[in-house]
Amino acid sequence: MRHDVEMTEADSAWMVDTLLTLLQTPSPTGRTDAVMQMIGDIFAGLGLSFSLTRRGALIVELPGESKTVDRAVVVHSDTTGCMVRGLKDNGRLEVIPVGTFSARFAAGARVRILTEDADKFITGTILPLKASGHAFGDAVDTQPTDWGHVEVRVDRKVSSREDLAELGVQIGDYAPLMANPVLTEDGFVVSRHLDDKAGVAAVLTLVKNLTDNAVSLPHRTAVMVTIAEEVGYGASTGLPNDIAEMIAVDNAVCAPGQHSAENTVTVPMSDLHGPYDYHLTRKLCRLAASCDIPFTRDIFRYYRSDAAAAIEAGANTRAALVGFGLDGSHGWERTHLDSLKATYALLHAWIRSPLTFAQWDANPSGEGDLRDFPSSQQPAPREKWVPSSRSDDD
């Protein structure tokens, strides 16, 4: 890996400490205030001012040589979780998912039930309705695994709906899953909610490095931390106007049939919502190759990112995704520090480079010679198409 984009040992240690703190701060979509206050404190500690959207997303601008904000890095702090749907007669809780994940991966999870008393939370465990083989025999293996067949066993002396109400539990209370992060000797990070707190940690480390070293960027860059990516809103509001390039930072799916790996950074070519920008994705691949950053290309069939939300909301920008390899997404997740370092390195190389098409993208007025438009670089057909003289009746 090229020295000028490689993460230092000090930055690596800071990134790990930050990641572990992020993971242990619950932030299901809709209840992200605590983690956003933490992230804001980090930016303030770096001497950076920031703004907040009405709903709570955070934007900090990194200075650059351009007069306008030409670039954006977007990452999300919210995670999947659970919400109380009902207080049950047996003193347990019915829950629904916040975001998309399977009850199969929730069963066995420890949760914190966040009541409306800010100083109080109650712990519990998500269990199948038939949780004991001694009581139900083989039925524990054959019961359905959907959300209607799990419940939260509350760690208090409660045995009725009234007991739960007296405890202060209400419908609509959040029950985020505890992350329980583990850092292994081989450099793996095993935890819930690495999506996308590992991405947040990598981006914060990038900002810290650029700020500590007073790196001069060619373009003013907005760093945006969103709070509702897991339910599809993501970067739909809050971005500065007329961004030329946007990189979303999120997980890259490691699974059979995928090409992403836990020790590389991934540049996805397309996902559920269609292709990412042709030119920007290829530029990222060229940067990775020229800087000796281990990378892969991949396509995700069941995946949506902050970039999709921004484009759907009308953002007139090139958009791409950079992902750290993640196994077991939205379950017991695992990544490797090598992947986070590669993600950091690629972002470092990109943010210090000129715009993909500086002259066109900085001022896409629509005026001028069409031959200046970037897509003219695509190969032209070798032969001209000549209309057939045959009629449909021939």
Protein backbone atom coordinates (compact mmCIF):
# COMPACT_ATOMS: atom_id res chain seq x y z
CA MET A 1 0.00 0.00 0.00
CA ARG A 2 1.37 3.43 -0.90
CA HIS A 3 2.83 5.15 2.16
CA ASP A 4 0.95 8.44 1.83
CA VAL A 5 -2.48 6.74 2.08
CA GLU A 6 -1.58 4.04 4.60
CA MET A 7 -3.12 4.31 8.07
CA THR A 8 -0.61 4.98 10.85
CA GLU A 9 -0.45 2.79 13.94
CA ALA A 10 -1.67 5.71 16.05
CA ASP A 11 -4.66 6.28 13.77
CA SER A 12 -5.39 2.55 13.72
CA ALA A 13 -5.49 2.42 17.53
CA TRP A 14 -7.71 5.52 17.61
CA MET A 15 -10.06 3.97 15.04
CA VAL A 16 -10.43 0.77 17.07
CA ASP A 17 -11.13 2.67 20.30
CA THR A 18 -13.68 4.85 18.50
CA LEU A 19 -15.35 1.84 16.89
CA LEU A 20 -15.73 0.03 20.21
CA THR A 21 -17.28 3.12 21.79
CA LEU A 22 -19.66 3.55 18.85
CA LEU A 23 -20.72 -0.10 19.04
CA GLN A 24 -21.58 0.19 22.70
CA THR A 25 -23.74 3.27 22.14
CA PRO A 26 -27.22 2.10 21.01
CA SER A 27 -28.52 3.88 17.92
CA PRO A 28 -31.47 2.14 16.24
CA THR A 29 -33.11 4.24 13.54
CA GLY A 30 -35.22 6.85 15.30
CA ARG A 31 -33.20 6.80 18.54
CA THR A 32 -29.81 8.07 17.41
CA ASP A 33 -29.37 11.16 19.61
CA ALA A 34 -26.74 9.65 21.91
CA VAL A 35 -24.44 8.41 19.15
CA MET A 36 -24.78 11.66 17.19
CA GLN A 37 -23.82 13.64 20.30
CA MET A 38 -20.76 11.44 20.58
CA ILE A 39 -19.82 12.00 16.93
CA GLY A 40 -20.40 15.74 17.30
CA ASP A 41 -18.09 15.80 20.31
CA ILE A 42 -15.38 14.11 18.23
CA PHE A 43 -15.68 16.72 15.49
CA ALA A 44 -15.64 19.53 18.05
CA GLY A 45 -12.53 18.00 19.62
CA LEU A 46 -10.85 18.19 16.22
CA GLY A 47 -11.69 21.89 16.05
CA LEU A 48 -14.33 21.42 13.36
CA SER A 49 -17.69 23.17 13.37
CA PHE A 50 -20.72 21.32 12.09
CA SER A 51 -24.40 21.78 11.35
CA LEU A 52 -27.40 19.60 12.12
CA THR A 53 -30.47 18.99 10.04
CA ARG A 54 -33.85 19.36 11.70
CA ARG A 55 -34.10 15.59 12.09
CA GLY A 56 -30.58 15.24 13.47
CA ALA A 57 -28.19 14.31 10.64
CA LEU A 58 -24.78 15.95 10.99
CA ILE A 59 -22.72 17.75 8.32
CA VAL A 60 -19.16 19.02 8.67
CA GLU A 61 -17.32 20.78 5.83
CA LEU A 62 -13.63 20.17 5.22
CA PRO A 63 -11.93 23.16 3.59
CA GLY A 64 -10.51 22.88 0.08
CA GLU A 65 -9.22 24.98 -2.78
CA SER A 66 -12.60 25.17 -4.54
CA LYS A 67 -15.04 27.93 -3.61
CA THR A 68 -18.01 25.57 -3.51
CA VAL A 69 -18.64 22.25 -1.80
CA ASP A 70 -17.86 19.87 -4.64
CA ARG A 71 -17.71 16.57 -2.81
CA ALA A 72 -19.48 14.60 -0.11
CA VAL A 73 -18.67 11.54 1.98
CA VAL A 74 -21.81 9.99 3.47
CA VAL A 75 -21.99 7.35 6.20
CA HIS A 76 -24.83 6.30 8.48
CA SER A 77 -24.86 5.98 12.26
CA ASP A 78 -28.23 4.25 12.65
CA THR A 79 -28.57 0.51 13.03
CA THR A 80 -31.28 -2.11 12.98
CA GLY A 81 -33.07 -2.82 16.25
CA CYS A 82 -36.45 -3.61 17.78
CA MET A 83 -39.47 -1.70 19.03
CA VAL A 84 -42.07 -2.80 21.56
CA ARG A 85 -45.33 -3.69 19.78
CA GLY A 86 -47.24 -5.07 22.73
CA LEU A 87 -47.18 -5.88 26.44
CA LYS A 88 -48.10 -9.53 26.84
CA ASP A 89 -50.21 -11.14 29.54
CA ASN A 90 -47.26 -13.35 30.54
CA GLY A 91 -45.09 -10.31 31.37
CA ARG A 92 -43.07 -10.52 28.16
CA LEU A 93 -42.87 -8.17 25.20
CA GLU A 94 -43.94 -8.49 21.61
CA VAL A 95 -41.51 -6.65 19.31
CA ILE A 96 -41.19 -5.64 15.67
CA PRO A 97 -37.95 -5.02 13.74
CA VAL A 98 -36.63 -1.55 13.07
CA GLY A 99 -34.96 -1.89 9.69
CA THR A 100 -34.73 -5.14 7.78
CA PHE A 101 -33.38 -8.22 9.50
CA SER A 102 -34.58 -11.68 10.34
CA ALA A 103 -35.98 -12.79 13.69
CA ARG A 104 -33.76 -15.84 13.18
CA PHE A 105 -30.75 -13.62 13.92
CA ALA A 106 -32.49 -11.76 16.76
CA ALA A 107 -33.30 -14.87 18.78
CA GLY A 108 -30.83 -15.10 21.65
CA ALA A 109 -29.86 -11.43 21.49
CA ARG A 110 -29.57 -9.35 24.62
CA VAL A 111 -31.44 -6.03 24.46
CA ARG A 112 -31.76 -2.80 26.36
CA ILE A 113 -35.36 -1.58 26.63
CA LEU A 114 -35.16 2.20 26.48
CA THR A 115 -38.06 3.66 28.41
CA GLU A 116 -39.03 7.32 28.19
CA ASP A 117 -37.21 7.88 31.47
CA ALA A 118 -33.86 9.01 30.07
CA ASP A 119 -31.98 7.71 33.12
CA LYS A 120 -33.49 4.25 33.00
CA PHE A 121 -33.17 1.21 30.77
CA ILE A 122 -34.16 -2.38 31.37
CA THR A 123 -32.33 -5.38 29.99
CA GLY A 124 -33.85 -8.47 28.45
CA THR A 125 -33.38 -11.34 26.01
CA ILE A 126 -35.13 -12.12 22.73
CA LEU A 127 -36.31 -15.74 22.83
CA PRO A 128 -38.43 -18.02 20.66
CA LEU A 129 -41.90 -18.65 22.08
CA LYS A 130 -40.82 -22.25 22.64
CA ALA A 131 -37.40 -21.68 24.16
CA SER A 132 -36.78 -24.86 26.19
CA GLY A 133 -36.14 -28.28 24.72
CA HIS A 134 -36.93 -29.78 28.11
CA ALA A 135 -40.45 -28.37 27.85
CA PHE A 136 -41.21 -28.63 24.14
CA GLY A 137 -38.90 -31.31 22.77
CA ASP A 138 -38.42 -31.27 18.99
CA ALA A 139 -40.97 -28.46 18.66
CA VAL A 140 -38.21 -25.96 19.45
CA ASP A 141 -36.65 -26.89 16.08
CA THR A 142 -39.83 -26.95 14.02
CA GLN A 143 -41.50 -23.76 15.25
CA PRO A 144 -41.61 -20.80 12.82
CA THR A 145 -38.83 -18.23 13.02
CA ASP A 146 -40.73 -15.04 12.14
CA TRP A 147 -41.24 -12.02 14.40
CA GLY A 148 -44.60 -13.29 15.60
CA HIS A 149 -42.84 -16.24 17.20
CA VAL A 150 -40.31 -14.44 19.38
CA GLU A 151 -40.69 -12.38 22.53
CA VAL A 152 -38.54 -10.42 24.96
CA ARG A 153 -38.04 -11.92 28.38
CA VAL A 154 -37.57 -8.92 30.69
CA ASP A 155 -34.94 -9.09 33.43
CA ARG A 156 -37.34 -7.92 36.13
CA LYS A 157 -39.89 -9.59 38.39
CA VAL A 158 -42.82 -9.20 36.01
CA SER A 159 -45.49 -11.74 35.11
CA SER A 160 -48.32 -9.65 33.67
CA ARG A 161 -49.14 -6.78 31.38
CA GLU A 162 -49.83 -4.62 34.44
CA ASP A 163 -46.40 -5.39 35.89
CA LEU A 164 -44.76 -4.19 32.67
CA ALA A 165 -46.82 -0.99 32.64
CA GLU A 166 -45.90 -0.31 36.28
CA LEU A 167 -42.26 -0.79 35.33
CA GLY A 168 -42.67 2.04 32.80
CA VAL A 169 -42.55 -0.04 29.60
CA GLN A 170 -44.82 1.27 26.83
CA ILE A 171 -45.71 0.43 23.27
CA GLY A 172 -43.23 2.20 21.02
CA ASP A 173 -40.28 1.90 23.38
CA TYR A 174 -37.06 0.92 21.61
CA ALA A 175 -35.28 -2.35 22.38
CA PRO A 176 -31.89 -2.11 20.63
CA LEU A 177 -29.74 -5.22 20.47
CA MET A 178 -26.53 -5.14 22.49
CA ALA A 179 -23.54 -5.20 20.16
CA ASN A 180 -21.19 -7.23 22.43
CA PRO A 181 -18.09 -6.48 20.29
CA VAL A 182 -15.03 -8.73 20.32
CA LEU A 183 -11.62 -7.95 18.80
CA THR A 184 -9.75 -11.18 18.05
CA GLU A 185 -6.02 -11.82 18.03
CA ASP A 186 -6.10 -12.15 14.24
CA GLY A 187 -7.58 -8.66 13.79
CA PHE A 188 -11.20 -9.64 13.25
CA VAL A 189 -13.95 -7.53 14.77
CA VAL A 190 -17.02 -9.60 15.66
CA SER A 191 -20.09 -7.67 16.71
CA ARG A 192 -23.60 -6.63 15.92
CA HIS A 193 -24.03 -3.29 14.16
CA LEU A 194 -20.69 -3.07 12.36
CA ASP A 195 -23.06 -1.91 9.62
CA ASP A 196 -22.36 0.94 9.60
CA LYS A 197 -20.46 1.87 12.73
CA ALA A 198 -17.29 0.39 11.25
CA GLY A 199 -17.80 2.77 8.33
CA VAL A 200 -18.32 5.69 10.71
CA ALA A 201 -15.09 4.82 12.55
CA ALA A 202 -13.13 4.71 9.28
CA VAL A 203 -14.54 8.06 8.13
CA LEU A 204 -13.90 9.72 11.50
CA THR A 205 -10.31 8.46 11.38
CA LEU A 206 -9.92 9.91 7.89
CA VAL A 207 -11.20 13.30 9.07
CA LYS A 208 -8.88 13.18 12.10
CA ASN A 209 -5.85 12.41 9.94
CA LEU A 210 -6.60 15.17 7.42
CA THR A 211 -7.22 17.69 10.22
CA ASP A 212 -4.24 16.73 12.38
CA ASN A 213 -1.90 17.00 9.38
CA ALA A 214 -3.55 20.12 7.90
CA VAL A 215 -3.90 18.35 4.54
CA SER A 216 -4.91 20.75 1.77
CA LEU A 217 -7.76 19.26 -0.26
CA PRO A 218 -8.40 20.21 -3.89
CA HIS A 219 -12.15 20.47 -3.25
CA ARG A 220 -14.29 21.51 -0.32
CA THR A 221 -15.86 18.33 1.01
CA ALA A 222 -18.94 17.73 3.12
CA VAL A 223 -18.88 14.80 5.51
CA MET A 224 -22.44 13.79 6.33
CA VAL A 225 -23.51 11.32 9.01
CA THR A 226 -27.09 10.19 8.37
CA ILE A 227 -29.56 8.71 10.84
CA ALA A 228 -32.17 6.77 8.85
CA GLU A 229 -30.37 4.68 6.23
CA GLU A 230 -31.69 1.39 7.60
CA VAL A 231 -35.28 2.42 6.81
CA GLY A 232 -34.48 3.91 3.40
CA TYR A 233 -34.32 7.69 3.99
CA GLY A 234 -30.58 8.05 4.41
CA ALA A 235 -29.09 11.01 2.57
CA SER A 236 -32.40 12.12 1.05
CA THR A 237 -32.11 15.53 2.77
CA GLY A 238 -29.33 17.69 4.16
CA LEU A 239 -26.65 17.48 1.48
CA PRO A 240 -25.26 20.83 0.27
CA ASN A 241 -26.53 21.87 -3.15
CA ASP A 242 -24.79 20.87 -6.36
CA ILE A 243 -22.40 18.22 -5.10
CA ALA A 244 -20.36 16.92 -8.04
CA GLU A 245 -19.25 13.63 -6.47
CA MET A 246 -20.56 11.63 -3.55
CA ILE A 247 -19.12 8.51 -1.95
CA ALA A 248 -21.31 6.49 0.40
CA VAL A 249 -19.39 4.33 2.88
CA ASP A 250 -21.14 1.14 3.98
CA ASN A 251 -20.70 -2.60 4.32
CA ALA A 252 -19.74 -4.87 1.43
CA VAL A 253 -21.58 -8.18 1.53
CA CYS A 254 -19.39 -11.26 2.04
CA ALA A 255 -21.36 -14.40 1.21
CA PRO A 256 -21.38 -17.31 -1.25
CA GLY A 257 -21.78 -15.90 -4.76
CA GLN A 258 -20.30 -12.51 -3.79
CA HIS A 259 -16.78 -11.27 -4.51
CA SER A 260 -16.29 -8.98 -1.50
CA ALA A 261 -13.73 -10.09 1.08
CA GLU A 262 -13.10 -9.28 4.72
CA ASN A 263 -9.53 -8.11 4.07
CA THR A 264 -10.16 -5.74 1.13
CA VAL A 265 -12.18 -2.67 0.24
CA THR A 266 -14.98 -3.22 -2.27
CA VAL A 267 -16.11 -0.92 -5.07
CA PRO A 268 -19.63 -2.08 -5.98
CA MET A 269 -20.63 -1.63 -9.61
CA SER A 270 -24.39 -1.94 -9.03
CA ASP A 271 -26.99 -2.80 -6.42
CA LEU A 272 -30.75 -3.27 -6.09
CA HIS A 273 -31.38 0.25 -7.38
CA GLY A 274 -29.12 0.05 -10.43
CA PRO A 275 -25.56 0.89 -11.47
CA TYR A 276 -23.37 3.34 -9.64
CA ASP A 277 -21.72 6.08 -11.70
CA TYR A 278 -19.60 4.45 -14.39
CA HIS A 279 -16.77 6.96 -14.38
CA LEU A 280 -16.49 7.45 -10.62
CA THR A 281 -16.48 3.72 -9.85
CA ARG A 282 -13.74 3.11 -12.44
CA LYS A 283 -11.73 6.01 -11.05
CA LEU A 284 -11.90 4.45 -7.59
CA CYS A 285 -10.66 1.15 -9.02
CA ARG A 286 -7.76 2.92 -10.76
CA LEU A 287 -6.84 4.75 -7.55
CA ALA A 288 -6.88 1.50 -5.59
CA ALA A 289 -4.66 -0.22 -8.16
CA SER A 290 -2.18 2.67 -8.39
CA CYS A 291 -1.88 2.92 -4.59
CA ASP A 292 -1.56 -0.87 -4.08
CA ILE A 293 -4.76 -0.92 -2.03
CA PRO A 294 -6.31 -4.42 -1.98
CA PHE A 295 -9.76 -4.11 -3.54
CA THR A 296 -12.51 -6.10 -5.19
CA ARG A 297 -15.42 -5.26 -7.48
CA ASP A 298 -18.85 -6.65 -6.73
CA ILE A 299 -22.58 -6.42 -7.49
CA PHE A 300 -25.20 -6.51 -4.74
CA ARG A 301 -28.68 -7.80 -5.56
CA TYR A 302 -30.46 -7.06 -2.28
CA TYR A 303 -28.82 -3.86 -1.12
CA ARG A 304 -29.60 -0.17 -0.78
CA SER A 305 -27.31 2.65 0.38
CA ASP A 306 -27.38 6.35 1.26
CA ALA A 307 -26.46 7.04 -2.36
CA ALA A 308 -29.80 5.67 -3.62
CA ALA A 309 -31.74 7.89 -1.21
CA ALA A 310 -29.82 10.97 -2.36
CA ILE A 311 -30.29 10.25 -6.07
CA GLU A 312 -33.99 9.49 -5.64
CA ALA A 313 -34.39 12.79 -3.79
CA GLY A 314 -32.93 14.65 -6.78
CA ALA A 315 -29.24 15.03 -5.96
CA ASN A 316 -27.47 15.99 -9.20
CA THR A 317 -24.26 14.16 -8.45
CA ARG A 318 -22.07 11.30 -9.48
CA ALA A 319 -22.45 8.65 -6.80
CA ALA A 320 -20.47 5.58 -5.83
CA LEU A 321 -20.11 3.27 -2.87
CA VAL A 322 -17.01 2.17 -0.98
CA GLY A 323 -17.50 -0.82 1.31
CA PHE A 324 -15.59 -2.71 3.98
CA GLY A 325 -16.03 -6.47 3.76
CA LEU A 326 -18.69 -7.76 6.16
CA ASP A 327 -19.72 -11.34 6.81
CA GLY A 328 -23.17 -12.08 8.28
CA SER A 329 -24.68 -8.65 7.71
CA HIS A 330 -27.57 -7.69 10.01
CA GLY A 331 -26.79 -10.69 12.19
CA TRP A 332 -23.61 -11.57 14.05
CA GLU A 333 -21.36 -9.51 11.81
CA ARG A 334 -17.63 -9.81 11.26
CA THR A 335 -15.04 -7.70 9.46
CA HIS A 336 -11.26 -7.40 9.62
CA LEU A 337 -9.15 -4.37 10.48
CA ASP A 338 -7.34 -4.85 7.15
CA SER A 339 -10.62 -4.10 5.35
CA LEU A 340 -11.22 -0.95 7.38
CA LYS A 341 -7.66 0.20 6.69
CA ALA A 342 -8.11 -0.44 2.95
CA THR A 343 -11.40 1.49 3.01
CA TYR A 344 -9.67 4.39 4.77
CA ALA A 345 -6.80 4.31 2.26
CA LEU A 346 -9.09 4.45 -0.78
CA LEU A 347 -11.08 7.34 0.69
CA HIS A 348 -7.79 9.10 1.49
CA ALA A 349 -6.60 8.73 -2.09
CA TRP A 350 -9.93 9.85 -3.58
CA ILE A 351 -10.48 12.89 -1.37
CA ARG A 352 -7.04 14.26 -2.30
CA SER A 353 -7.53 13.74 -6.04
CA PRO A 354 -9.17 16.12 -8.56
CA LEU A 355 -12.79 15.61 -9.54
CA THR A 356 -13.29 12.81 -12.02
CA PHE A 357 -14.12 15.39 -14.71
CA ALA A 358 -13.06 18.65 -13.12
CA GLN A 359 -14.01 21.00 -15.97
CA TRP A 360 -17.42 19.47 -16.65
CA ASP A 361 -18.52 18.37 -13.17
CA ALA A 362 -17.56 21.60 -11.43
CA ASN A 363 -19.91 23.56 -13.67
CA PRO A 364 -22.35 21.29 -15.55
CA SER A 365 -24.22 24.13 -17.25
CA GLY A 366 -25.30 22.02 -20.19
CA GLU A 367 -23.73 24.52 -22.57
CA GLY A 368 -20.82 23.85 -24.88
CA ASP A 369 -19.71 21.12 -27.21
CA LEU A 370 -21.31 17.74 -26.55
CA ARG A 371 -17.93 16.18 -27.30
CA ASP A 372 -16.76 17.60 -23.95
CA PHE A 373 -19.30 15.43 -22.14
CA PRO A 374 -17.48 12.60 -20.36
CA SER A 375 -19.47 9.76 -21.89
CA SER A 376 -17.82 10.51 -25.24
CA GLN A 377 -14.93 8.42 -23.93
CA GLN A 378 -16.96 5.29 -24.51
CA PRO A 379 -15.88 3.42 -27.65
CA ALA A 380 -17.84 4.27 -30.77
CA PRO A 381 -19.30 1.53 -32.98
CA ARG A 382 -16.96 0.49 -35.78
CA GLU A 383 -19.63 0.60 -38.48
CA LYS A 384 -22.46 3.01 -39.06
CA TRP A 385 -25.92 1.55 -38.78
CA VAL A 386 -27.82 1.72 -42.05
CA PRO A 387 -31.62 1.40 -41.99
CA SER A 388 -32.89 -1.71 -43.73
CA SER A 389 -34.82 -1.18 -46.96
CA ARG A 390 -37.01 -4.17 -46.20
CA SER A 391 -40.57 -3.49 -45.09
CA ASP A 392 -42.35 -5.33 -42.30
CA ASP A 393 -44.35 -7.15 -44.98
CA ASP A 394 -41.25 -8.67 -46.65
